[in-house]
Amino acid sequence: MQIIKCSCFYTTEVNRSKFIVHLVPISEYGGLQKRLKAEHPKANHVIYALRYLNEFDQVVENSSDDGELKGCAGVPALNVLRGEELINCAVLIVRYFGGIKLGTAGMARAYALAVKNVLTEANFVHYEKEVKHSFSTPYSGVDKTLYRLKKLGITQYERDFGVDSVMWGIIGSEDKIEKFKKLQVG
């Protein structure tokens, strides 16, 4: 599975219809469809497709045709995301009608092409599940712990300085956390 590093957009034209595609991490999805509709009041449709992992590590998918013929817009966009094994992202497509009817199959091909085109602009990263790990160290071990975290590339951490020790909470990939635990014991 793959995730995208940052949002990107691309414009595709098919038979004078313009498809403005926004590919965003799922964290940026909330309210974006509404904002795009406000930015493009003359656009005919703003469809979306999204895939993300829920708290049980299950892939959740959803799509909307936003007034296009049923199954001709959101589903083809979602199928492209599935084919690339993308998760934790959403694709939104603003469509301006160009005056030439595309037909059912033509519309599905156009939406799929638009999503494939935006993927050429995206930077992908292999998905690694992140886990949390808590532990404590004496004050004398803070510098050593920071060095080990930096060496393993673990950048998400919190410290709670207590009376006689420091309580840590770190977040990283399962592999990095396991390596850290082995370093901690040694």
N, C-alpha and C. Protein backbone atom coordinates (compact mmCIF):
# COMPACT_ATOMS: atom_id res chain seq x y z
N MET A 1 0.84 -1.18 0.00
CA MET A 1 0.00 0.00 0.00
C MET A 1 0.89 1.24 0.00
N GLN A 2 0.34 2.30 -0.59
CA GLN A 2 1.08 3.54 -0.71
C GLN A 2 0.24 4.71 -0.17
N ILE A 3 0.93 5.75 0.25
CA ILE A 3 0.28 7.00 0.62
C ILE A 3 0.95 8.12 -0.17
N ILE A 4 0.30 9.28 -0.23
CA ILE A 4 0.92 10.41 -0.91
C ILE A 4 1.57 11.32 0.12
N LYS A 5 2.66 11.96 -0.30
CA LYS A 5 3.40 12.84 0.61
C LYS A 5 2.68 14.16 0.81
N CYS A 6 2.19 14.75 -0.29
CA CYS A 6 1.52 16.05 -0.21
C CYS A 6 0.48 16.16 -1.31
N SER A 7 -0.39 17.14 -1.19
CA SER A 7 -1.46 17.30 -2.17
C SER A 7 -0.91 17.83 -3.50
N CYS A 8 -1.63 17.53 -4.57
CA CYS A 8 -1.25 18.01 -5.90
C CYS A 8 -2.52 18.12 -6.75
N PHE A 9 -2.41 18.83 -7.87
CA PHE A 9 -3.56 18.92 -8.76
C PHE A 9 -3.09 18.89 -10.20
N TYR A 10 -4.04 18.58 -11.10
CA TYR A 10 -3.73 18.45 -12.52
C TYR A 10 -5.03 18.70 -13.29
N THR A 11 -4.93 19.35 -14.43
CA THR A 11 -6.10 19.61 -15.27
C THR A 11 -6.01 18.78 -16.54
N THR A 12 -7.09 18.06 -16.82
CA THR A 12 -7.19 17.23 -18.03
C THR A 12 -8.37 17.73 -18.85
N GLU A 13 -8.21 17.78 -20.16
CA GLU A 13 -9.31 18.20 -21.03
C GLU A 13 -9.68 17.03 -21.94
N VAL A 14 -10.98 16.71 -22.00
CA VAL A 14 -11.50 15.66 -22.86
C VAL A 14 -12.71 16.22 -23.58
N ASN A 15 -12.64 16.32 -24.91
CA ASN A 15 -13.75 16.85 -25.72
C ASN A 15 -14.29 18.16 -25.16
N ARG A 16 -13.41 19.08 -24.88
CA ARG A 16 -13.69 20.42 -24.39
C ARG A 16 -14.23 20.46 -22.96
N SER A 17 -14.45 19.31 -22.34
CA SER A 17 -14.79 19.28 -20.92
C SER A 17 -13.48 19.34 -20.14
N LYS A 18 -13.48 20.14 -19.09
CA LYS A 18 -12.28 20.33 -18.29
C LYS A 18 -12.45 19.63 -16.94
N PHE A 19 -11.45 18.82 -16.59
CA PHE A 19 -11.45 18.07 -15.33
C PHE A 19 -10.27 18.56 -14.49
N ILE A 20 -10.57 19.27 -13.40
CA ILE A 20 -9.53 19.77 -12.50
C ILE A 20 -9.49 18.81 -11.30
N VAL A 21 -8.38 18.08 -11.20
CA VAL A 21 -8.28 17.00 -10.21
C VAL A 21 -7.38 17.43 -9.06
N HIS A 22 -7.87 17.24 -7.84
CA HIS A 22 -7.10 17.51 -6.62
C HIS A 22 -6.91 16.19 -5.89
N LEU A 23 -5.66 15.79 -5.69
CA LEU A 23 -5.33 14.60 -4.93
C LEU A 23 -4.75 15.07 -3.60
N VAL A 24 -5.39 14.69 -2.50
CA VAL A 24 -5.00 15.20 -1.18
C VAL A 24 -4.91 14.07 -0.15
N PRO A 25 -4.05 14.25 0.86
CA PRO A 25 -4.07 13.31 1.99
C PRO A 25 -5.44 13.38 2.67
N ILE A 26 -5.86 12.31 3.26
CA ILE A 26 -7.21 12.26 3.86
C ILE A 26 -7.38 13.32 4.95
N SER A 27 -6.30 13.74 5.58
CA SER A 27 -6.38 14.77 6.62
C SER A 27 -6.81 16.12 6.05
N GLU A 28 -6.62 16.35 4.74
CA GLU A 28 -7.00 17.61 4.11
C GLU A 28 -8.37 17.54 3.41
N TYR A 29 -9.02 16.38 3.46
CA TYR A 29 -10.26 16.18 2.73
C TYR A 29 -11.46 16.93 3.32
N GLY A 30 -11.56 16.98 4.64
CA GLY A 30 -12.73 17.56 5.30
C GLY A 30 -13.03 18.97 4.82
N GLY A 31 -14.21 19.18 4.24
CA GLY A 31 -14.64 20.50 3.79
C GLY A 31 -14.09 20.92 2.43
N LEU A 32 -13.23 20.12 1.83
CA LEU A 32 -12.63 20.51 0.55
C LEU A 32 -13.65 20.53 -0.58
N GLN A 33 -14.57 19.58 -0.61
CA GLN A 33 -15.57 19.56 -1.68
C GLN A 33 -16.42 20.84 -1.63
N LYS A 34 -16.80 21.23 -0.44
CA LYS A 34 -17.60 22.45 -0.27
C LYS A 34 -16.80 23.68 -0.73
N ARG A 35 -15.51 23.72 -0.36
CA ARG A 35 -14.66 24.85 -0.75
C ARG A 35 -14.46 24.90 -2.27
N LEU A 36 -14.28 23.74 -2.90
CA LEU A 36 -14.11 23.70 -4.35
C LEU A 36 -15.39 24.15 -5.07
N LYS A 37 -16.54 23.77 -4.53
CA LYS A 37 -17.81 24.22 -5.12
C LYS A 37 -17.94 25.74 -5.03
N ALA A 38 -17.46 26.30 -3.92
CA ALA A 38 -17.51 27.76 -3.75
C ALA A 38 -16.52 28.45 -4.70
N GLU A 39 -15.34 27.85 -4.91
CA GLU A 39 -14.33 28.42 -5.80
C GLU A 39 -14.71 28.29 -7.27
N HIS A 40 -15.50 27.28 -7.60
CA HIS A 40 -15.89 27.01 -8.99
C HIS A 40 -17.42 26.98 -9.11
N PRO A 41 -18.08 28.13 -8.94
CA PRO A 41 -19.54 28.12 -8.95
C PRO A 41 -20.15 27.74 -10.30
N LYS A 42 -19.40 27.90 -11.39
CA LYS A 42 -19.93 27.56 -12.71
C LYS A 42 -19.62 26.12 -13.12
N ALA A 43 -18.90 25.39 -12.27
CA ALA A 43 -18.60 23.98 -12.57
C ALA A 43 -19.88 23.17 -12.45
N ASN A 44 -19.99 22.16 -13.30
CA ASN A 44 -21.18 21.33 -13.28
C ASN A 44 -21.19 20.33 -12.14
N HIS A 45 -20.01 19.77 -11.82
CA HIS A 45 -19.93 18.71 -10.82
C HIS A 45 -18.60 18.79 -10.06
N VAL A 46 -18.63 18.38 -8.79
CA VAL A 46 -17.41 18.17 -8.01
C VAL A 46 -17.55 16.79 -7.37
N ILE A 47 -16.96 15.79 -8.02
CA ILE A 47 -17.09 14.42 -7.54
C ILE A 47 -15.89 14.08 -6.64
N TYR A 48 -16.01 13.02 -5.87
CA TYR A 48 -14.88 12.59 -5.04
C TYR A 48 -14.81 11.08 -4.94
N ALA A 49 -13.63 10.60 -4.60
CA ALA A 49 -13.40 9.20 -4.25
C ALA A 49 -12.32 9.21 -3.17
N LEU A 50 -12.47 8.34 -2.18
CA LEU A 50 -11.48 8.31 -1.10
C LEU A 50 -11.29 6.91 -0.57
N ARG A 51 -10.10 6.69 -0.02
CA ARG A 51 -9.73 5.43 0.63
C ARG A 51 -8.89 5.76 1.85
N TYR A 52 -9.20 5.13 2.98
CA TYR A 52 -8.39 5.32 4.17
C TYR A 52 -8.49 4.10 5.08
N LEU A 53 -7.54 4.00 6.00
CA LEU A 53 -7.56 2.92 6.99
C LEU A 53 -8.25 3.41 8.25
N ASN A 54 -9.16 2.60 8.77
CA ASN A 54 -9.80 2.98 10.02
C ASN A 54 -8.99 2.46 11.20
N GLU A 55 -9.51 2.62 12.41
CA GLU A 55 -8.75 2.24 13.60
C GLU A 55 -8.52 0.74 13.72
N PHE A 56 -9.23 -0.07 12.91
CA PHE A 56 -9.06 -1.52 12.93
C PHE A 56 -8.22 -2.00 11.74
N ASP A 57 -7.54 -1.07 11.08
CA ASP A 57 -6.70 -1.36 9.90
C ASP A 57 -7.51 -1.94 8.74
N GLN A 58 -8.76 -1.54 8.63
CA GLN A 58 -9.60 -1.95 7.50
C GLN A 58 -9.65 -0.79 6.51
N VAL A 59 -9.62 -1.11 5.21
CA VAL A 59 -9.72 -0.07 4.19
C VAL A 59 -11.17 0.36 4.04
N VAL A 60 -11.42 1.65 4.22
CA VAL A 60 -12.75 2.22 4.05
C VAL A 60 -12.74 3.01 2.75
N GLU A 61 -13.74 2.78 1.91
CA GLU A 61 -13.82 3.46 0.61
C GLU A 61 -15.16 4.15 0.47
N ASN A 62 -15.16 5.26 -0.27
CA ASN A 62 -16.40 5.98 -0.54
C ASN A 62 -16.20 6.78 -1.82
N SER A 63 -17.29 7.05 -2.51
CA SER A 63 -17.23 7.89 -3.70
C SER A 63 -18.58 8.53 -3.93
N SER A 64 -18.57 9.62 -4.70
CA SER A 64 -19.80 10.34 -5.02
C SER A 64 -19.75 10.78 -6.47
N ASP A 65 -20.88 10.65 -7.15
CA ASP A 65 -20.98 11.09 -8.55
C ASP A 65 -21.45 12.54 -8.66
N ASP A 66 -21.93 13.13 -7.58
CA ASP A 66 -22.37 14.52 -7.54
C ASP A 66 -23.21 14.92 -8.76
N GLY A 67 -24.21 14.13 -9.07
CA GLY A 67 -25.12 14.49 -10.15
C GLY A 67 -24.76 13.92 -11.51
N GLU A 68 -23.57 13.37 -11.67
CA GLU A 68 -23.23 12.68 -12.92
C GLU A 68 -24.03 11.39 -12.99
N LEU A 69 -24.04 10.74 -14.15
CA LEU A 69 -24.74 9.47 -14.27
C LEU A 69 -24.17 8.49 -13.24
N LYS A 70 -25.05 7.73 -12.60
CA LYS A 70 -24.65 6.84 -11.51
C LYS A 70 -23.54 5.88 -11.94
N GLY A 71 -22.45 5.88 -11.18
CA GLY A 71 -21.35 4.96 -11.43
C GLY A 71 -20.38 5.39 -12.52
N CYS A 72 -20.58 6.56 -13.10
CA CYS A 72 -19.73 7.01 -14.22
C CYS A 72 -18.62 7.96 -13.80
N ALA A 73 -18.59 8.37 -12.55
CA ALA A 73 -17.59 9.37 -12.14
C ALA A 73 -16.83 8.91 -10.90
N GLY A 74 -17.52 8.76 -9.79
CA GLY A 74 -16.86 8.41 -8.53
C GLY A 74 -16.24 7.03 -8.54
N VAL A 75 -16.95 6.05 -9.09
CA VAL A 75 -16.45 4.67 -9.11
C VAL A 75 -15.21 4.53 -9.99
N PRO A 76 -15.18 5.08 -11.22
CA PRO A 76 -13.94 4.99 -11.99
C PRO A 76 -12.75 5.66 -11.29
N ALA A 77 -12.99 6.78 -10.63
CA ALA A 77 -11.92 7.46 -9.87
C ALA A 77 -11.45 6.57 -8.73
N LEU A 78 -12.39 5.95 -8.03
CA LEU A 78 -12.06 5.05 -6.92
C LEU A 78 -11.28 3.84 -7.42
N ASN A 79 -11.66 3.32 -8.59
CA ASN A 79 -10.96 2.16 -9.15
C ASN A 79 -9.49 2.46 -9.46
N VAL A 80 -9.19 3.68 -9.87
CA VAL A 80 -7.79 4.05 -10.11
C VAL A 80 -7.02 4.05 -8.79
N LEU A 81 -7.63 4.61 -7.73
CA LEU A 81 -6.98 4.60 -6.41
C LEU A 81 -6.74 3.17 -5.94
N ARG A 82 -7.73 2.29 -6.18
CA ARG A 82 -7.58 0.88 -5.81
C ARG A 82 -6.43 0.24 -6.58
N GLY A 83 -6.39 0.50 -7.87
CA GLY A 83 -5.36 -0.10 -8.73
C GLY A 83 -3.95 0.30 -8.33
N GLU A 84 -3.79 1.52 -7.83
CA GLU A 84 -2.48 1.99 -7.38
C GLU A 84 -2.22 1.65 -5.91
N GLU A 85 -3.20 0.99 -5.27
CA GLU A 85 -3.12 0.62 -3.86
C GLU A 85 -2.85 1.83 -2.97
N LEU A 86 -3.52 2.93 -3.28
CA LEU A 86 -3.39 4.16 -2.49
C LEU A 86 -4.36 4.12 -1.32
N ILE A 87 -3.88 4.56 -0.15
CA ILE A 87 -4.75 4.68 1.01
C ILE A 87 -4.50 6.03 1.67
N ASN A 88 -5.39 6.37 2.59
CA ASN A 88 -5.31 7.63 3.34
C ASN A 88 -5.23 8.83 2.41
N CYS A 89 -6.03 8.80 1.33
CA CYS A 89 -6.06 9.93 0.41
C CYS A 89 -7.46 10.06 -0.19
N ALA A 90 -7.68 11.21 -0.79
CA ALA A 90 -8.94 11.49 -1.48
C ALA A 90 -8.62 12.20 -2.78
N VAL A 91 -9.45 11.96 -3.78
CA VAL A 91 -9.33 12.67 -5.04
C VAL A 91 -10.66 13.37 -5.29
N LEU A 92 -10.58 14.67 -5.61
CA LEU A 92 -11.77 15.46 -5.93
C LEU A 92 -11.60 16.01 -7.33
N ILE A 93 -12.65 15.92 -8.13
CA ILE A 93 -12.57 16.35 -9.52
C ILE A 93 -13.66 17.37 -9.80
N VAL A 94 -13.22 18.56 -10.20
CA VAL A 94 -14.13 19.63 -10.61
C VAL A 94 -14.30 19.50 -12.11
N ARG A 95 -15.56 19.36 -12.58
CA ARG A 95 -15.80 19.20 -14.02
C ARG A 95 -16.57 20.39 -14.58
N TYR A 96 -15.99 20.96 -15.64
CA TYR A 96 -16.68 21.97 -16.43
C TYR A 96 -17.11 21.30 -17.73
N PHE A 97 -18.42 21.33 -18.01
CA PHE A 97 -18.96 20.71 -19.23
C PHE A 97 -18.55 21.54 -20.44
N GLY A 98 -18.03 20.84 -21.46
CA GLY A 98 -17.52 21.52 -22.65
C GLY A 98 -18.49 21.58 -23.82
N GLY A 99 -19.71 21.08 -23.65
CA GLY A 99 -20.70 21.17 -24.72
C GLY A 99 -20.85 19.90 -25.54
N ILE A 100 -19.94 18.94 -25.36
CA ILE A 100 -20.02 17.68 -26.10
C ILE A 100 -20.31 16.57 -25.10
N LYS A 101 -21.41 15.85 -25.31
CA LYS A 101 -21.75 14.75 -24.39
C LYS A 101 -20.77 13.60 -24.60
N LEU A 102 -20.28 13.06 -23.49
CA LEU A 102 -19.27 12.01 -23.54
C LEU A 102 -19.88 10.61 -23.54
N GLY A 103 -21.11 10.48 -23.13
CA GLY A 103 -21.73 9.17 -23.00
C GLY A 103 -21.26 8.49 -21.72
N THR A 104 -21.91 7.40 -21.39
CA THR A 104 -21.61 6.70 -20.15
C THR A 104 -20.17 6.19 -20.12
N ALA A 105 -19.77 5.43 -21.13
CA ALA A 105 -18.42 4.86 -21.16
C ALA A 105 -17.38 5.96 -21.32
N GLY A 106 -17.66 6.96 -22.14
CA GLY A 106 -16.72 8.06 -22.35
C GLY A 106 -16.48 8.85 -21.08
N MET A 107 -17.55 9.04 -20.31
CA MET A 107 -17.42 9.78 -19.05
C MET A 107 -16.58 8.98 -18.05
N ALA A 108 -16.83 7.68 -17.96
CA ALA A 108 -16.05 6.83 -17.05
C ALA A 108 -14.57 6.86 -17.44
N ARG A 109 -14.28 6.76 -18.73
CA ARG A 109 -12.89 6.81 -19.20
C ARG A 109 -12.25 8.16 -18.90
N ALA A 110 -13.01 9.23 -19.09
CA ALA A 110 -12.48 10.58 -18.86
C ALA A 110 -12.13 10.80 -17.39
N TYR A 111 -13.01 10.38 -16.48
CA TYR A 111 -12.72 10.53 -15.05
C TYR A 111 -11.52 9.67 -14.64
N ALA A 112 -11.45 8.45 -15.14
CA ALA A 112 -10.31 7.58 -14.82
C ALA A 112 -9.01 8.18 -15.36
N LEU A 113 -9.05 8.71 -16.59
CA LEU A 113 -7.86 9.34 -17.19
C LEU A 113 -7.41 10.54 -16.36
N ALA A 114 -8.37 11.34 -15.92
CA ALA A 114 -8.05 12.53 -15.13
C ALA A 114 -7.32 12.14 -13.84
N VAL A 115 -7.77 11.07 -13.18
CA VAL A 115 -7.12 10.62 -11.94
C VAL A 115 -5.73 10.06 -12.26
N LYS A 116 -5.61 9.29 -13.33
CA LYS A 116 -4.30 8.75 -13.71
C LYS A 116 -3.32 9.88 -14.00
N ASN A 117 -3.80 10.95 -14.62
CA ASN A 117 -2.93 12.09 -14.93
C ASN A 117 -2.43 12.78 -13.66
N VAL A 118 -3.28 12.95 -12.66
CA VAL A 118 -2.84 13.62 -11.43
C VAL A 118 -1.82 12.75 -10.69
N LEU A 119 -1.92 11.44 -10.85
CA LEU A 119 -0.97 10.54 -10.18
C LEU A 119 0.44 10.71 -10.71
N THR A 120 0.57 11.21 -11.95
CA THR A 120 1.91 11.46 -12.49
C THR A 120 2.60 12.61 -11.76
N GLU A 121 1.83 13.47 -11.10
CA GLU A 121 2.36 14.62 -10.36
C GLU A 121 2.63 14.29 -8.89
N ALA A 122 2.12 13.16 -8.42
CA ALA A 122 2.17 12.84 -6.99
C ALA A 122 3.48 12.14 -6.60
N ASN A 123 3.86 12.34 -5.34
CA ASN A 123 4.99 11.64 -4.74
C ASN A 123 4.43 10.59 -3.78
N PHE A 124 4.78 9.34 -4.01
CA PHE A 124 4.27 8.25 -3.20
C PHE A 124 5.31 7.77 -2.20
N VAL A 125 4.82 7.27 -1.09
CA VAL A 125 5.65 6.69 -0.05
C VAL A 125 4.99 5.38 0.36
N HIS A 126 5.81 4.37 0.59
CA HIS A 126 5.28 3.08 1.05
C HIS A 126 4.65 3.27 2.44
N TYR A 127 3.47 2.76 2.64
CA TYR A 127 2.76 2.90 3.92
C TYR A 127 3.38 1.98 4.97
N GLU A 128 3.66 2.55 6.12
CA GLU A 128 4.11 1.77 7.27
C GLU A 128 3.20 2.10 8.44
N LYS A 129 2.66 1.07 9.04
CA LYS A 129 1.79 1.29 10.19
C LYS A 129 2.61 1.85 11.34
N GLU A 130 2.07 2.89 11.96
CA GLU A 130 2.76 3.50 13.09
C GLU A 130 2.15 3.01 14.40
N VAL A 131 3.02 2.78 15.38
CA VAL A 131 2.58 2.33 16.70
C VAL A 131 3.14 3.26 17.76
N LYS A 132 2.54 3.19 18.95
CA LYS A 132 3.00 4.00 20.07
C LYS A 132 3.75 3.11 21.05
N HIS A 133 4.72 3.71 21.71
CA HIS A 133 5.49 2.98 22.72
C HIS A 133 5.79 3.95 23.86
N SER A 134 5.57 3.50 25.08
CA SER A 134 5.85 4.33 26.27
C SER A 134 6.91 3.65 27.12
N PHE A 135 7.77 4.46 27.72
CA PHE A 135 8.82 3.96 28.59
C PHE A 135 9.33 5.11 29.44
N SER A 136 10.16 4.80 30.41
CA SER A 136 10.73 5.87 31.23
C SER A 136 12.25 5.69 31.30
N THR A 137 12.93 6.80 31.52
CA THR A 137 14.39 6.81 31.67
C THR A 137 14.75 7.71 32.84
N PRO A 138 15.91 7.46 33.42
CA PRO A 138 16.38 8.44 34.41
C PRO A 138 16.83 9.70 33.67
N TYR A 139 16.97 10.79 34.38
CA TYR A 139 17.40 12.04 33.75
C TYR A 139 18.73 11.88 33.04
N SER A 140 19.58 11.04 33.56
CA SER A 140 20.91 10.84 32.95
C SER A 140 20.82 10.14 31.60
N GLY A 141 19.68 9.52 31.28
CA GLY A 141 19.53 8.80 30.02
C GLY A 141 18.85 9.58 28.91
N VAL A 142 18.50 10.85 29.15
CA VAL A 142 17.77 11.66 28.16
C VAL A 142 18.58 11.85 26.88
N ASP A 143 19.84 12.25 27.01
CA ASP A 143 20.66 12.50 25.82
C ASP A 143 20.87 11.21 25.02
N LYS A 144 21.10 10.12 25.70
CA LYS A 144 21.30 8.84 25.03
C LYS A 144 20.02 8.42 24.28
N THR A 145 18.88 8.63 24.91
CA THR A 145 17.61 8.28 24.29
C THR A 145 17.35 9.15 23.06
N LEU A 146 17.59 10.45 23.17
CA LEU A 146 17.42 11.35 22.02
C LEU A 146 18.33 10.94 20.87
N TYR A 147 19.56 10.54 21.17
CA TYR A 147 20.50 10.10 20.15
C TYR A 147 19.95 8.86 19.43
N ARG A 148 19.45 7.89 20.20
CA ARG A 148 18.92 6.66 19.61
C ARG A 148 17.69 6.94 18.75
N LEU A 149 16.81 7.82 19.21
CA LEU A 149 15.63 8.18 18.43
C LEU A 149 16.03 8.81 17.10
N LYS A 150 16.99 9.73 17.16
CA LYS A 150 17.45 10.41 15.95
C LYS A 150 18.09 9.42 14.98
N LYS A 151 18.90 8.51 15.52
CA LYS A 151 19.59 7.51 14.71
C LYS A 151 18.60 6.62 13.95
N LEU A 152 17.47 6.30 14.58
CA LEU A 152 16.46 5.45 13.96
C LEU A 152 15.44 6.23 13.12
N GLY A 153 15.52 7.57 13.16
CA GLY A 153 14.58 8.38 12.39
C GLY A 153 13.21 8.51 13.04
N ILE A 154 13.14 8.33 14.34
CA ILE A 154 11.88 8.50 15.07
C ILE A 154 11.80 9.96 15.52
N THR A 155 10.90 10.71 14.92
CA THR A 155 10.84 12.15 15.19
C THR A 155 9.63 12.56 16.02
N GLN A 156 8.68 11.65 16.20
CA GLN A 156 7.49 11.98 16.98
C GLN A 156 7.65 11.43 18.40
N TYR A 157 7.85 12.35 19.32
CA TYR A 157 7.98 11.91 20.71
C TYR A 157 7.50 13.01 21.65
N GLU A 158 7.09 12.57 22.83
CA GLU A 158 6.68 13.48 23.90
C GLU A 158 7.43 13.06 25.16
N ARG A 159 7.76 14.05 25.98
CA ARG A 159 8.44 13.77 27.24
C ARG A 159 7.66 14.42 28.37
N ASP A 160 7.59 13.71 29.47
CA ASP A 160 6.97 14.24 30.68
C ASP A 160 8.02 14.12 31.79
N PHE A 161 8.53 15.25 32.22
CA PHE A 161 9.59 15.27 33.21
C PHE A 161 8.99 15.15 34.61
N GLY A 162 9.23 13.99 35.23
CA GLY A 162 8.72 13.73 36.57
C GLY A 162 9.74 14.12 37.63
N VAL A 163 9.48 13.70 38.84
CA VAL A 163 10.35 14.03 39.96
C VAL A 163 11.71 13.34 39.83
N ASP A 164 11.70 12.04 39.54
CA ASP A 164 12.97 11.33 39.48
C ASP A 164 13.22 10.60 38.16
N SER A 165 12.31 10.75 37.17
CA SER A 165 12.51 10.10 35.87
C SER A 165 11.76 10.87 34.77
N VAL A 166 12.03 10.49 33.54
CA VAL A 166 11.37 11.09 32.39
C VAL A 166 10.50 10.02 31.74
N MET A 167 9.21 10.33 31.56
CA MET A 167 8.27 9.41 30.91
C MET A 167 8.22 9.79 29.44
N TRP A 168 8.43 8.83 28.53
CA TRP A 168 8.46 9.07 27.09
C TRP A 168 7.26 8.41 26.43
N GLY A 169 6.79 9.03 25.38
CA GLY A 169 5.80 8.45 24.48
C GLY A 169 6.30 8.69 23.07
N ILE A 170 6.58 7.61 22.34
CA ILE A 170 7.11 7.76 20.98
C ILE A 170 6.17 7.10 19.98
N ILE A 171 6.18 7.60 18.75
CA ILE A 171 5.38 7.05 17.66
C ILE A 171 6.30 6.82 16.48
N GLY A 172 6.23 5.63 15.91
CA GLY A 172 7.05 5.30 14.75
C GLY A 172 6.55 4.02 14.10
N SER A 173 7.19 3.62 13.01
CA SER A 173 6.81 2.38 12.35
C SER A 173 7.10 1.21 13.29
N GLU A 174 6.38 0.10 13.08
CA GLU A 174 6.57 -1.07 13.93
C GLU A 174 8.03 -1.51 13.92
N ASP A 175 8.65 -1.47 12.75
CA ASP A 175 10.05 -1.89 12.60
C ASP A 175 10.97 -0.99 13.42
N LYS A 176 10.79 0.32 13.33
CA LYS A 176 11.65 1.25 14.06
C LYS A 176 11.47 1.12 15.57
N ILE A 177 10.23 0.92 16.00
CA ILE A 177 9.97 0.77 17.44
C ILE A 177 10.63 -0.50 17.96
N GLU A 178 10.57 -1.60 17.19
CA GLU A 178 11.21 -2.85 17.62
C GLU A 178 12.73 -2.66 17.70
N LYS A 179 13.32 -1.98 16.73
CA LYS A 179 14.76 -1.72 16.77
C LYS A 179 15.12 -0.87 17.99
N PHE A 180 14.26 0.12 18.29
CA PHE A 180 14.50 0.97 19.45
C PHE A 180 14.45 0.15 20.74
N LYS A 181 13.48 -0.73 20.85
CA LYS A 181 13.35 -1.56 22.05
C LYS A 181 14.61 -2.41 22.26
N LYS A 182 15.16 -2.96 21.15
CA LYS A 182 16.39 -3.76 21.26
C LYS A 182 17.57 -2.91 21.69
N LEU A 183 17.67 -1.69 21.17
CA LEU A 183 18.75 -0.77 21.59
C LEU A 183 18.60 -0.39 23.06
N GLN A 184 17.38 -0.24 23.50
CA GLN A 184 17.09 0.18 24.85
C GLN A 184 17.53 -0.89 25.86
N VAL A 185 17.33 -2.16 25.50
CA VAL A 185 17.68 -3.26 26.38
C VAL A 185 19.20 -3.41 26.44
N GLY A 186 19.87 -3.21 25.26
CA GLY A 186 21.31 -3.42 25.17
C GLY A 186 22.16 -2.39 25.83
